[in-house]
N, C-alpha and C. Protein backbone atom coordinates (compact mmCIF):
# COMPACT_ATOMS: atom_id res chain seq x y z
N MET A 1 -128.37 -81.08 140.54
CA MET A 1 -127.61 -80.77 141.73
C MET A 1 -127.92 -79.35 142.16
N THR A 2 -128.24 -79.15 143.39
CA THR A 2 -128.56 -77.81 143.89
C THR A 2 -127.33 -77.19 144.52
N PRO A 3 -127.19 -75.85 144.37
CA PRO A 3 -126.03 -75.20 144.97
C PRO A 3 -126.16 -75.17 146.50
N PRO A 4 -125.03 -75.12 147.19
CA PRO A 4 -125.09 -75.01 148.65
C PRO A 4 -125.81 -73.72 149.05
N ASP A 5 -126.25 -73.65 150.29
CA ASP A 5 -127.04 -72.51 150.75
C ASP A 5 -126.30 -71.18 150.67
N ASP A 6 -124.97 -71.20 150.70
CA ASP A 6 -124.24 -69.93 150.66
C ASP A 6 -124.00 -69.42 149.24
N GLU A 7 -124.31 -70.22 148.22
CA GLU A 7 -124.15 -69.78 146.84
C GLU A 7 -125.47 -69.21 146.32
N PRO A 8 -125.40 -68.12 145.52
CA PRO A 8 -126.64 -67.55 144.98
C PRO A 8 -127.30 -68.49 143.99
N ARG A 9 -128.58 -68.48 143.98
CA ARG A 9 -129.35 -69.31 143.04
C ARG A 9 -129.77 -68.44 141.87
N ASP A 10 -129.88 -69.06 140.73
CA ASP A 10 -130.35 -68.35 139.55
C ASP A 10 -131.82 -68.03 139.72
N PRO A 11 -132.23 -66.78 139.43
CA PRO A 11 -133.67 -66.48 139.49
C PRO A 11 -134.39 -67.21 138.37
N PRO A 12 -135.67 -67.51 138.55
CA PRO A 12 -136.40 -68.20 137.48
C PRO A 12 -136.47 -67.32 136.24
N ARG A 13 -136.39 -67.96 135.09
CA ARG A 13 -136.53 -67.21 133.85
C ARG A 13 -137.96 -66.70 133.75
N ASP A 14 -138.15 -65.63 132.97
CA ASP A 14 -139.48 -65.05 132.85
C ASP A 14 -140.52 -66.05 132.37
N ASP A 15 -140.13 -66.96 131.47
CA ASP A 15 -141.12 -67.89 130.94
C ASP A 15 -141.49 -68.97 131.96
N GLN A 16 -140.80 -69.02 133.10
CA GLN A 16 -141.12 -69.99 134.13
C GLN A 16 -141.98 -69.37 135.24
N ARG A 17 -142.09 -68.08 135.29
CA ARG A 17 -142.88 -67.44 136.33
C ARG A 17 -144.36 -67.62 136.04
N ALA A 18 -145.12 -67.76 137.09
CA ALA A 18 -146.55 -68.01 136.92
C ALA A 18 -147.28 -66.79 136.40
N GLN A 19 -146.95 -65.62 136.91
CA GLN A 19 -147.68 -64.41 136.51
C GLN A 19 -147.08 -63.81 135.25
N PHE A 20 -147.96 -63.22 134.44
CA PHE A 20 -147.51 -62.47 133.28
C PHE A 20 -146.89 -61.16 133.76
N THR A 21 -145.95 -60.64 133.00
CA THR A 21 -145.36 -59.35 133.32
C THR A 21 -146.37 -58.24 132.99
N GLU A 22 -146.09 -57.04 133.47
CA GLU A 22 -146.97 -55.90 133.16
C GLU A 22 -147.05 -55.67 131.66
N ASP A 23 -145.92 -55.77 130.97
CA ASP A 23 -145.91 -55.57 129.51
C ASP A 23 -146.73 -56.64 128.80
N GLU A 24 -146.62 -57.88 129.24
CA GLU A 24 -147.41 -58.95 128.63
C GLU A 24 -148.90 -58.71 128.85
N GLN A 25 -149.28 -58.31 130.06
CA GLN A 25 -150.69 -58.05 130.34
C GLN A 25 -151.20 -56.86 129.53
N ARG A 26 -150.38 -55.84 129.39
CA ARG A 26 -150.77 -54.66 128.61
C ARG A 26 -151.03 -55.05 127.16
N ALA A 27 -150.16 -55.90 126.59
CA ALA A 27 -150.33 -56.33 125.20
C ALA A 27 -151.59 -57.19 125.03
N MET A 28 -151.88 -58.05 126.01
CA MET A 28 -153.09 -58.87 125.93
C MET A 28 -154.34 -58.01 126.01
N ARG A 29 -154.35 -57.02 126.92
CA ARG A 29 -155.51 -56.12 127.04
C ARG A 29 -155.71 -55.33 125.75
N ALA A 30 -154.61 -54.86 125.15
CA ALA A 30 -154.71 -54.09 123.91
C ALA A 30 -155.29 -54.94 122.78
N ALA A 31 -154.83 -56.18 122.66
CA ALA A 31 -155.36 -57.07 121.62
C ALA A 31 -156.84 -57.35 121.85
N PHE A 32 -157.21 -57.58 123.10
CA PHE A 32 -158.62 -57.85 123.42
C PHE A 32 -159.48 -56.63 123.09
N ALA A 33 -159.03 -55.44 123.48
CA ALA A 33 -159.79 -54.21 123.24
C ALA A 33 -159.94 -53.92 121.75
N ALA A 34 -158.94 -54.33 120.96
CA ALA A 34 -158.99 -54.11 119.51
C ALA A 34 -159.80 -55.17 118.79
N GLY A 35 -160.29 -56.17 119.54
CA GLY A 35 -161.09 -57.23 118.93
C GLY A 35 -160.25 -58.28 118.21
N GLN A 36 -158.95 -58.30 118.47
CA GLN A 36 -158.06 -59.27 117.85
C GLN A 36 -157.99 -60.53 118.71
N PRO A 37 -157.66 -61.67 118.10
CA PRO A 37 -157.47 -62.87 118.90
C PRO A 37 -156.29 -62.67 119.85
N VAL A 38 -156.44 -63.09 121.09
CA VAL A 38 -155.38 -62.93 122.07
C VAL A 38 -154.57 -64.21 122.13
N ARG A 39 -153.25 -64.08 121.98
CA ARG A 39 -152.33 -65.21 122.03
C ARG A 39 -151.54 -65.13 123.33
N CYS A 40 -151.24 -66.27 123.89
CA CYS A 40 -150.45 -66.32 125.11
C CYS A 40 -149.03 -65.84 124.80
N PRO A 41 -148.53 -64.86 125.56
CA PRO A 41 -147.17 -64.38 125.30
C PRO A 41 -146.09 -65.38 125.68
N ARG A 42 -146.42 -66.41 126.43
CA ARG A 42 -145.44 -67.40 126.86
C ARG A 42 -145.34 -68.58 125.90
N CYS A 43 -146.49 -69.11 125.45
CA CYS A 43 -146.44 -70.32 124.62
C CYS A 43 -147.14 -70.14 123.27
N ASP A 44 -147.66 -68.95 123.01
CA ASP A 44 -148.29 -68.58 121.74
C ASP A 44 -149.56 -69.37 121.42
N ALA A 45 -150.19 -69.96 122.42
CA ALA A 45 -151.46 -70.64 122.21
C ALA A 45 -152.61 -69.63 122.26
N ALA A 46 -153.72 -70.00 121.69
CA ALA A 46 -154.90 -69.15 121.74
C ALA A 46 -155.40 -69.05 123.17
N MET A 47 -155.84 -67.86 123.56
CA MET A 47 -156.39 -67.66 124.89
C MET A 47 -157.91 -67.54 124.78
N THR A 48 -158.59 -68.15 125.71
CA THR A 48 -160.04 -68.02 125.75
C THR A 48 -160.39 -66.92 126.74
N SER A 49 -161.57 -66.35 126.58
CA SER A 49 -161.98 -65.30 127.50
C SER A 49 -163.31 -65.65 128.14
N ARG A 50 -163.46 -65.19 129.34
CA ARG A 50 -164.70 -65.39 130.09
C ARG A 50 -165.05 -64.08 130.79
N ALA A 51 -166.26 -63.63 130.57
CA ALA A 51 -166.72 -62.41 131.23
C ALA A 51 -166.99 -62.71 132.70
N ILE A 52 -166.52 -61.84 133.56
CA ILE A 52 -166.75 -61.97 134.99
C ILE A 52 -167.62 -60.80 135.41
N GLY A 53 -168.81 -61.11 135.86
CA GLY A 53 -169.73 -60.06 136.27
C GLY A 53 -169.41 -59.54 137.65
N GLY A 54 -169.86 -58.35 137.91
CA GLY A 54 -169.68 -57.77 139.23
C GLY A 54 -170.87 -56.88 139.51
N GLY A 55 -171.84 -57.41 140.20
CA GLY A 55 -173.05 -56.64 140.47
C GLY A 55 -172.78 -55.42 141.31
N SER A 56 -173.57 -54.40 141.11
CA SER A 56 -173.33 -53.14 141.83
C SER A 56 -173.86 -53.20 143.26
N PHE A 57 -174.85 -54.03 143.53
CA PHE A 57 -175.43 -54.15 144.86
C PHE A 57 -175.81 -52.78 145.43
N GLY A 58 -176.35 -51.93 144.55
CA GLY A 58 -176.80 -50.63 144.99
C GLY A 58 -175.71 -49.58 145.13
N LEU A 59 -174.51 -49.88 144.65
CA LEU A 59 -173.41 -48.93 144.79
C LEU A 59 -173.35 -47.92 143.64
N GLY A 60 -174.16 -48.11 142.61
CA GLY A 60 -174.18 -47.18 141.51
C GLY A 60 -173.18 -47.50 140.40
N TYR A 61 -172.46 -48.56 140.53
CA TYR A 61 -171.55 -48.97 139.46
C TYR A 61 -171.44 -50.49 139.45
N ALA A 62 -171.03 -50.99 138.33
CA ALA A 62 -170.78 -52.44 138.21
C ALA A 62 -169.54 -52.61 137.36
N ARG A 63 -168.63 -53.41 137.82
CA ARG A 63 -167.41 -53.67 137.05
C ARG A 63 -167.68 -54.74 136.01
N GLN A 64 -167.04 -54.56 134.88
CA GLN A 64 -167.08 -55.58 133.84
C GLN A 64 -165.65 -56.08 133.69
N ARG A 65 -165.40 -57.30 134.12
CA ARG A 65 -164.07 -57.86 134.04
C ARG A 65 -164.03 -58.98 133.02
N GLU A 66 -162.84 -59.18 132.50
CA GLU A 66 -162.62 -60.23 131.53
C GLU A 66 -161.48 -61.10 132.05
N TRP A 67 -161.64 -62.41 131.92
CA TRP A 67 -160.64 -63.36 132.38
C TRP A 67 -160.09 -64.07 131.17
N LEU A 68 -158.81 -63.85 130.85
CA LEU A 68 -158.16 -64.50 129.72
C LEU A 68 -157.39 -65.70 130.23
N MET A 69 -157.63 -66.87 129.60
CA MET A 69 -157.01 -68.11 130.05
C MET A 69 -156.32 -68.79 128.87
N CYS A 70 -155.09 -69.23 129.10
CA CYS A 70 -154.33 -69.93 128.07
C CYS A 70 -154.79 -71.39 128.01
N THR A 71 -155.01 -71.85 126.81
CA THR A 71 -155.48 -73.22 126.64
C THR A 71 -154.35 -74.25 126.76
N ARG A 72 -153.10 -73.80 126.66
CA ARG A 72 -151.97 -74.73 126.73
C ARG A 72 -151.27 -74.70 128.08
N CYS A 73 -150.74 -73.54 128.49
CA CYS A 73 -149.93 -73.50 129.72
C CYS A 73 -150.77 -73.17 130.96
N LYS A 74 -152.05 -72.88 130.77
CA LYS A 74 -153.02 -72.67 131.85
C LYS A 74 -152.79 -71.39 132.67
N ARG A 75 -151.93 -70.48 132.19
CA ARG A 75 -151.78 -69.20 132.87
C ARG A 75 -153.00 -68.35 132.54
N SER A 76 -153.28 -67.37 133.38
CA SER A 76 -154.43 -66.53 133.13
C SER A 76 -154.18 -65.11 133.62
N ALA A 77 -155.01 -64.20 133.14
CA ALA A 77 -154.95 -62.80 133.55
C ALA A 77 -156.37 -62.26 133.57
N MET A 78 -156.65 -61.40 134.53
CA MET A 78 -157.97 -60.80 134.67
C MET A 78 -157.80 -59.29 134.63
N PHE A 79 -158.75 -58.60 133.98
CA PHE A 79 -158.67 -57.14 133.93
C PHE A 79 -160.04 -56.52 133.83
N ASP A 80 -160.11 -55.26 134.22
CA ASP A 80 -161.31 -54.47 134.15
C ASP A 80 -161.42 -53.90 132.74
N VAL A 81 -162.49 -54.21 132.03
CA VAL A 81 -162.63 -53.84 130.62
C VAL A 81 -162.68 -52.33 130.43
N LYS A 82 -163.48 -51.64 131.21
CA LYS A 82 -163.63 -50.19 131.03
C LYS A 82 -162.37 -49.42 131.41
N ARG A 83 -161.73 -49.83 132.47
CA ARG A 83 -160.54 -49.12 132.95
C ARG A 83 -159.29 -49.59 132.25
N GLY A 84 -159.29 -50.79 131.69
CA GLY A 84 -158.11 -51.33 131.05
C GLY A 84 -157.00 -51.67 132.03
N THR A 85 -157.38 -51.96 133.26
CA THR A 85 -156.39 -52.28 134.29
C THR A 85 -156.72 -53.62 134.93
N ARG A 86 -155.79 -54.10 135.75
CA ARG A 86 -156.02 -55.36 136.45
C ARG A 86 -157.06 -55.21 137.53
N ASN A 87 -157.17 -54.06 138.13
CA ASN A 87 -158.11 -53.86 139.25
C ASN A 87 -159.25 -52.97 138.85
């Protein structure tokens, strides 16, 4: 049963949101950088990684990104390896 439009709705719980929180992403990047197996913070399944290339096209730099994907809940996160950030 859904509440009427004038009643507040409960926000989705963190484990129901599609995106990982900043803290969850930070922990995944730290585990990856330390060479440890990365576990999904939502369902604790093993995460696979895929390198994402970024050619420099004459710009003098090339980004090295890593894409972590959960094998169970299918959530994913991408980050720049050298910078340790999402972008």
